[in-house]
Amino acid sequence: MSKQEIKTDREGSEDSGKSRKTQESTEQAPQHEPRAASETDLQEQVRQLEEAVREANDQLLRKAAEFENSRKRLAREKEESIKYANAGLLTDIVPIIDDFERAIQSAADSKDFDAFHTGVSLIEKQMVSMLERNWGLKRFSANGEPFDPEKHEAIAVEETDKYDSEVVLEDYQKGYLLHDRVLRPAKVKVARPVTPEQAGVDDEQNKES
């Protein structure tokens, strides 16, 4: 082999080795572009999450403000409802007050007690009827009824052999029902039953004393 051929073969080998080294270095070099793209995606995701958090926080603040406004409005409405709860009742009572005023003025002018008594009695019946019809307030009398501690308050007792059980003898103050509930019990005198034998013994003791 001539010197020229040996030189050419050596140069070819060197070029081949350089090509392999260049290829290997290229394969082993770090890939900067994909990493940069990945960092960009993460930053975008962080930005989107921060935006979502801000929106959620804004919605929460708006809901809290709406709730507080609703709470205050309901409190005002409840206060107004309690304040004017008796408006209907008072509206019904006002005309009856007018009737009382007219009856009083008429009595002052005429000095007629009988007419005044009749007028006041009519007004009282009118008022009781209105309260029962419009408001469920019913007055009840207990005379002759069996004693019921739920409806009657006994403030006097009379022992007698005329009854076999406790009976209301007299109303001292009438009771009232609001619908089906006792609003005020009647104050009454109650008969307490005794046997004829007990009544005889009590009479003898009274005579001896």
Protein backbone atom coordinates (compact mmCIF):
# COMPACT_ATOMS: atom_id res chain seq x y z
CA MET A 1 0.00 0.00 0.00
CA SER A 2 1.37 3.41 -0.91
CA LYS A 3 1.87 6.22 1.57
CA GLN A 4 -0.90 8.20 -0.10
CA GLU A 5 -3.40 5.37 0.38
CA ILE A 6 -2.41 4.89 4.04
CA LYS A 7 -2.85 8.63 4.67
CA THR A 8 -6.25 8.63 2.98
CA ASP A 9 -7.40 5.59 4.95
CA ARG A 10 -6.23 7.20 8.21
CA GLU A 11 -8.06 10.42 7.47
CA GLY A 12 -11.22 8.43 6.69
CA SER A 13 -10.98 6.60 9.97
CA GLU A 14 -10.45 9.86 11.84
CA ASP A 15 -13.47 11.42 10.09
CA SER A 16 -15.57 8.37 10.94
CA GLY A 17 -14.49 8.58 14.59
CA LYS A 18 -15.31 12.28 14.73
CA SER A 19 -18.77 11.63 13.26
CA ARG A 20 -19.49 8.99 15.90
CA LYS A 21 -18.32 11.30 18.69
CA THR A 22 -20.44 14.15 17.34
CA GLN A 23 -23.48 11.85 17.18
CA GLU A 24 -22.88 10.56 20.72
CA SER A 25 -22.42 14.06 22.10
CA THR A 26 -25.58 15.14 20.34
CA GLU A 27 -27.54 12.22 21.85
CA GLN A 28 -26.11 12.86 25.33
CA ALA A 29 -26.70 16.64 25.29
CA PRO A 30 -29.51 17.83 27.67
CA GLN A 31 -32.84 18.58 26.06
CA HIS A 32 -33.47 22.21 27.13
CA GLU A 33 -36.52 22.91 24.96
CA PRO A 34 -38.92 20.26 26.49
CA ARG A 35 -37.95 21.37 30.02
CA ALA A 36 -38.67 24.99 29.16
CA ALA A 37 -42.05 23.95 27.75
CA SER A 38 -42.86 21.97 30.93
CA GLU A 39 -42.05 24.96 33.17
CA THR A 40 -44.32 27.15 31.05
CA ASP A 41 -47.19 24.68 31.47
CA LEU A 42 -46.71 24.60 35.25
CA GLN A 43 -46.69 28.39 35.44
CA GLU A 44 -49.92 28.50 33.42
CA GLN A 45 -51.52 25.94 35.71
CA VAL A 46 -50.47 27.94 38.77
CA ARG A 47 -51.89 31.10 37.21
CA GLN A 48 -55.19 29.33 36.48
CA LEU A 49 -55.39 27.95 40.02
CA GLU A 50 -54.71 31.37 41.52
CA GLU A 51 -57.44 32.85 39.33
CA ALA A 52 -59.86 30.10 40.41
CA VAL A 53 -59.03 30.76 44.08
CA ARG A 54 -59.66 34.49 43.62
CA GLU A 55 -63.01 33.81 41.94
CA ALA A 56 -64.03 31.35 44.67
CA ASN A 57 -63.05 33.86 47.35
CA ASP A 58 -65.05 36.60 45.63
CA GLN A 59 -68.10 34.32 45.42
CA LEU A 60 -67.73 33.41 49.09
CA LEU A 61 -67.56 37.07 50.09
CA ARG A 62 -70.65 37.86 47.99
CA LYS A 63 -72.58 34.94 49.50
CA ALA A 64 -71.57 36.02 53.00
CA ALA A 65 -72.74 39.57 52.28
CA GLU A 66 -76.04 38.30 50.85
CA PHE A 67 -76.57 36.07 53.89
CA GLU A 68 -75.90 38.95 56.28
CA ASN A 69 -78.32 41.20 54.39
CA SER A 70 -80.98 38.47 54.45
CA ARG A 71 -80.45 37.94 58.18
CA LYS A 72 -80.86 41.65 58.89
CA ARG A 73 -83.95 41.85 56.67
CA LEU A 74 -85.58 38.88 58.40
CA ALA A 75 -84.77 40.37 61.81
CA ARG A 76 -86.42 43.65 60.79
CA GLU A 77 -89.46 41.84 59.43
CA LYS A 78 -89.77 39.79 62.61
CA GLU A 79 -89.51 42.91 64.74
CA GLU A 80 -92.16 44.65 62.63
CA SER A 81 -94.40 41.59 62.78
CA ILE A 82 -94.19 41.47 66.58
CA LYS A 83 -94.65 45.23 66.87
CA TYR A 84 -97.85 45.25 64.82
CA ALA A 85 -99.12 41.74 65.61
CA ASN A 86 -102.20 43.11 67.41
CA ALA A 87 -103.14 45.62 64.73
CA GLY A 88 -106.15 43.55 63.60
CA LEU A 89 -107.44 43.13 67.14
CA LEU A 90 -107.08 46.81 67.92
CA THR A 91 -108.79 47.71 64.66
CA ASP A 92 -111.80 45.70 65.82
CA ILE A 93 -111.75 47.24 69.31
CA VAL A 94 -111.52 50.89 68.24
CA PRO A 95 -115.18 51.12 67.04
CA ILE A 96 -116.32 49.68 70.37
CA ILE A 97 -114.34 52.35 72.20
CA ASP A 98 -116.19 54.89 70.03
CA ASP A 99 -119.49 53.34 71.17
CA PHE A 100 -118.45 53.65 74.81
CA GLU A 101 -117.57 57.30 74.30
CA ARG A 102 -120.96 57.99 72.70
CA ALA A 103 -122.78 56.15 75.49
CA ILE A 104 -120.93 58.13 78.15
CA GLN A 105 -121.61 61.41 76.38
CA SER A 106 -125.28 60.53 75.94
CA ALA A 107 -125.60 59.66 79.64
CA ALA A 108 -123.93 62.94 80.59
CA ASP A 109 -126.42 64.87 78.47
CA SER A 110 -129.62 62.99 79.37
CA LYS A 111 -128.84 61.85 82.95
CA ASP A 112 -130.86 58.73 82.08
CA PHE A 113 -129.29 55.83 83.96
CA ASP A 114 -131.58 53.18 82.47
CA ALA A 115 -130.69 54.22 78.92
CA PHE A 116 -127.01 54.30 79.85
CA HIS A 117 -127.21 50.83 81.39
CA THR A 118 -128.95 49.46 78.30
CA GLY A 119 -126.39 51.05 75.98
CA VAL A 120 -123.40 49.72 77.93
CA SER A 121 -124.93 46.23 78.05
CA LEU A 122 -125.36 46.24 74.27
CA ILE A 123 -121.79 47.39 73.76
CA GLU A 124 -120.49 44.66 76.08
CA LYS A 125 -122.40 41.98 74.17
CA GLN A 126 -121.15 43.44 70.88
CA MET A 127 -117.55 43.28 72.09
CA VAL A 128 -117.82 39.70 73.41
CA SER A 129 -119.43 38.58 70.14
CA MET A 130 -116.73 40.26 68.04
CA LEU A 131 -113.89 38.70 70.06
CA GLU A 132 -115.42 35.25 69.77
CA ARG A 133 -116.22 35.60 66.05
CA ASN A 134 -112.95 37.18 64.91
CA TRP A 135 -110.41 36.06 67.49
CA GLY A 136 -111.63 32.79 68.99
CA LEU A 137 -112.02 34.26 72.50
CA LYS A 138 -114.98 32.61 74.20
CA ARG A 139 -116.32 33.41 77.66
CA PHE A 140 -117.75 30.51 79.61
CA SER A 141 -119.94 30.18 82.66
CA ALA A 142 -119.25 27.38 85.16
CA ASN A 143 -122.43 27.39 87.24
CA GLY A 144 -123.76 23.87 87.72
CA GLU A 145 -120.85 22.22 85.90
CA PRO A 146 -118.69 19.48 87.40
CA PHE A 147 -115.60 20.99 88.94
CA ASP A 148 -112.64 20.83 86.51
CA PRO A 149 -109.31 22.04 87.91
CA GLU A 150 -108.14 22.73 84.34
CA LYS A 151 -110.96 25.27 83.83
CA HIS A 152 -111.97 26.29 87.35
CA GLU A 153 -110.08 27.87 90.21
CA ALA A 154 -111.81 27.08 93.52
CA ILE A 155 -111.59 30.03 95.87
CA ALA A 156 -114.43 28.88 98.15
CA VAL A 157 -115.82 25.50 99.21
CA GLU A 158 -119.21 24.58 100.62
CA GLU A 159 -119.84 21.13 102.07
CA THR A 160 -123.26 19.72 101.20
CA ASP A 161 -125.09 16.42 100.90
CA LYS A 162 -127.02 17.60 97.83
CA TYR A 163 -124.36 16.44 95.36
CA ASP A 164 -122.47 13.22 94.86
CA SER A 165 -119.45 14.94 93.30
CA GLU A 166 -117.80 18.34 93.30
CA VAL A 167 -119.96 20.84 91.44
CA VAL A 168 -119.53 24.54 90.78
CA LEU A 169 -122.08 26.47 92.83
CA GLU A 170 -121.24 30.01 91.84
CA ASP A 171 -119.10 32.01 89.42
CA TYR A 172 -117.12 34.77 91.08
CA GLN A 173 -115.28 35.57 87.86
CA LYS A 174 -116.01 34.06 84.47
CA GLY A 175 -113.35 32.16 82.56
CA TYR A 176 -112.19 32.54 78.96
CA LEU A 177 -111.08 30.11 76.27
CA LEU A 178 -108.81 31.07 73.39
CA HIS A 179 -109.96 28.63 70.74
CA ASP A 180 -109.70 25.32 72.67
CA ARG A 181 -107.17 26.45 75.29
CA VAL A 182 -108.01 27.92 78.69
CA LEU A 183 -106.85 31.52 78.65
CA ARG A 184 -108.13 32.31 82.14
CA PRO A 185 -109.81 29.84 84.52
CA ALA A 186 -113.08 30.82 86.16
CA LYS A 187 -112.95 31.67 89.85
CA VAL A 188 -115.70 29.66 91.52
CA LYS A 189 -117.29 28.32 94.70
CA VAL A 190 -117.37 24.52 94.76
CA ALA A 191 -119.77 22.12 96.48
CA ARG A 192 -117.94 19.40 98.37
CA PRO A 193 -120.18 16.34 98.81
CA VAL A 194 -120.63 14.75 102.26
CA THR A 195 -122.77 11.78 103.30
CA PRO A 196 -125.92 12.38 105.37
CA GLU A 197 -124.22 10.63 108.31
CA GLN A 198 -121.27 13.03 108.13
CA ALA A 199 -123.65 15.95 107.85
CA GLY A 200 -125.50 14.76 111.00
CA VAL A 201 -122.27 14.41 112.97
CA ASP A 202 -121.17 17.88 111.88
CA ASP A 203 -124.54 19.33 112.98
CA GLU A 204 -124.26 17.67 116.41
CA GLN A 205 -120.75 19.01 116.86
CA ASN A 206 -121.88 22.48 115.89
CA LYS A 207 -124.73 22.33 118.44
CA GLU A 208 -122.40 21.15 121.20
CA SER A 209 -119.94 23.90 120.47
